[in-house]
Protein backbone atom coordinates (compact mmCIF):
# COMPACT_ATOMS: atom_id res chain seq x y z
CA MET A 1 51.39 80.40 -262.76
CA ALA A 2 53.63 81.59 -259.84
CA SER A 3 56.36 78.72 -258.25
CA LEU A 4 55.86 76.15 -255.63
CA SER A 5 58.28 78.06 -253.38
CA ALA A 6 56.39 81.28 -253.68
CA ILE A 7 53.17 79.55 -252.57
CA ALA A 8 55.23 78.62 -249.75
CA VAL A 9 56.02 81.57 -248.47
CA SER A 10 52.98 83.33 -249.41
CA LEU A 11 50.91 80.29 -247.27
CA ARG A 12 53.66 80.79 -244.46
CA ASN A 13 52.94 84.93 -244.15
CA LYS A 14 49.72 84.68 -244.02
CA ALA A 15 48.69 81.89 -242.30
CA LEU A 16 51.71 82.01 -240.04
CA ILE A 17 53.13 78.40 -240.50
CA THR A 18 56.23 77.15 -239.64
CA PRO A 19 58.46 74.91 -241.60
CA ARG A 20 58.19 71.53 -240.52
CA VAL A 21 61.87 69.88 -239.58
CA PHE A 22 61.67 65.70 -239.82
CA SER A 23 64.32 64.33 -237.22
CA SER A 24 64.48 60.79 -236.12
CA VAL A 25 64.27 60.42 -231.98
CA PRO A 26 65.77 57.28 -230.41
CA THR A 27 63.05 55.00 -229.27
CA ARG A 28 62.61 54.38 -225.33
CA LEU A 29 61.77 51.89 -223.39
CA ILE A 30 59.01 52.31 -221.06
CA HIS A 31 59.37 54.30 -218.21
CA GLY A 32 63.19 54.88 -218.27
CA SER A 33 66.03 55.49 -221.29
CA THR A 34 67.47 52.28 -220.18
CA MET A 35 66.81 49.02 -219.16
CA LYS A 36 67.90 49.78 -215.50
CA GLU A 37 65.85 52.80 -215.33
CA ALA A 38 62.91 51.00 -216.37
CA SER A 39 63.25 47.81 -214.05
CA VAL A 40 63.28 50.42 -211.09
CA CYS A 41 60.23 51.97 -212.54
CA ASP A 42 58.75 48.83 -212.32
CA LYS A 43 59.50 48.03 -209.14
CA ALA A 44 58.04 51.54 -207.83
CA THR A 45 55.01 50.48 -209.59
CA GLU A 46 54.65 47.54 -208.20
CA ALA A 47 55.50 48.64 -204.61
CA GLN A 48 52.87 51.63 -204.87
CA GLN A 49 50.08 48.87 -206.53
CA LYS A 50 50.67 46.65 -202.78
CA VAL A 51 50.58 50.08 -201.29
CA ALA A 52 47.64 50.71 -202.41
CA LYS A 53 46.60 47.08 -202.05
CA LYS A 54 47.17 46.68 -198.08
CA ALA A 55 45.16 50.03 -198.00
CA ASP A 56 42.29 48.43 -199.35
CA GLU A 57 42.13 45.73 -197.70
CA GLY A 58 42.93 47.53 -194.21
CA ALA A 59 39.98 49.64 -194.76
CA GLN A 60 37.69 46.61 -195.77
CA THR A 61 39.05 44.89 -192.76
CA ILE A 62 38.03 48.37 -190.47
CA SER A 63 35.17 48.40 -192.52
CA ASP A 64 33.78 44.88 -191.22
CA THR A 65 35.26 45.84 -187.67
CA ALA A 66 32.96 48.49 -187.14
CA GLY A 67 30.11 46.85 -188.48
CA ASN A 68 30.67 44.37 -185.78
CA LEU A 69 31.09 46.53 -183.23
CA LYS A 70 28.26 48.26 -184.67
CA ASP A 71 25.72 45.26 -184.04
CA LYS A 72 27.66 44.55 -181.16
CA ALA A 73 26.42 47.84 -179.50
CA LYS A 74 22.45 47.31 -181.05
CA ASN A 75 22.71 43.59 -179.45
CA THR A 76 23.65 44.74 -175.64
CA ALA A 77 21.41 48.33 -175.83
CA GLU A 78 17.77 45.70 -176.68
CA ASP A 79 18.91 43.24 -173.92
CA ALA A 80 19.89 46.55 -171.47
CA TRP A 81 15.84 47.85 -173.09
CA ASP A 82 14.59 43.97 -171.86
CA LYS A 83 16.00 43.52 -168.49
CA VAL A 84 14.77 47.44 -167.91
CA LYS A 85 11.46 46.24 -169.05
CA ASP A 86 11.55 42.73 -167.13
CA THR A 87 12.19 44.68 -163.97
CA THR A 88 10.07 47.29 -164.13
CA GLU A 89 6.87 44.73 -164.82
CA LYS A 90 8.33 42.90 -161.74
CA ILE A 91 7.73 46.36 -159.89
CA LYS A 92 4.81 46.64 -160.90
CA ASP A 93 3.59 43.17 -160.15
CA THR A 94 5.01 43.56 -156.70
CA VAL A 95 3.80 47.30 -156.12
CA THR A 96 0.35 45.95 -157.40
CA GLY A 97 0.18 42.55 -155.33
CA LYS A 98 1.15 44.71 -152.49
CA THR A 99 -1.86 47.30 -153.44
CA GLU A 100 -3.84 44.39 -153.45
CA GLU A 101 -2.83 42.72 -150.27
CA THR A 102 -3.11 46.26 -148.24
CA LYS A 103 -6.56 46.89 -149.30
CA GLU A 104 -7.96 43.48 -148.29
CA SER A 105 -6.07 43.69 -145.36
CA ILE A 106 -7.72 46.52 -144.55
CA LYS A 107 -11.01 45.59 -145.63
CA ALA A 108 -10.59 42.63 -143.36
CA LYS A 109 -9.61 45.00 -140.02
CA ALA A 110 -12.76 46.94 -141.49
CA LYS A 111 -14.68 44.34 -140.95
CA THR A 112 -13.07 42.95 -137.62
CA VAL A 113 -13.69 46.29 -136.47
CA GLU A 114 -17.39 46.78 -137.08
CA LYS A 115 -18.21 43.39 -136.07
CA SER A 116 -16.56 44.76 -132.44
CA MET A 117 -18.28 47.86 -132.61
CA ASN A 118 -21.60 45.58 -133.75
CA THR A 119 -20.77 43.45 -130.39
CA LYS A 120 -19.98 45.97 -128.45
CA ASN A 121 -23.05 47.76 -129.21
CA LEU A 122 -25.38 44.70 -128.48
CA LYS A 123 -24.15 44.39 -125.13
């Protein structure tokens, strides 16, 4: 039977297994190797989070303002359109009314002229 060291050498050569070495590593504090570095890192992280929060709030404010401006623009356009329609209707009524007046006055004058001609023809 082969010795354990011979088997290990054989496996290392065949599978290219590197020997493992165990060593102790000192534990590190979160975000740094000392408490002071960890504190600085935590403060930087907090500052970054505050900046991100402010950016999100600013984006929301911009979005709200844009929505309000869109609504105001829509209402202004609708008001302007209503005024244009009202003005157009008034113009139409005025022109139609004048046309009716002109038509009636022409008929009245034509009747007057016809009566005059009839009375002249009778004389």
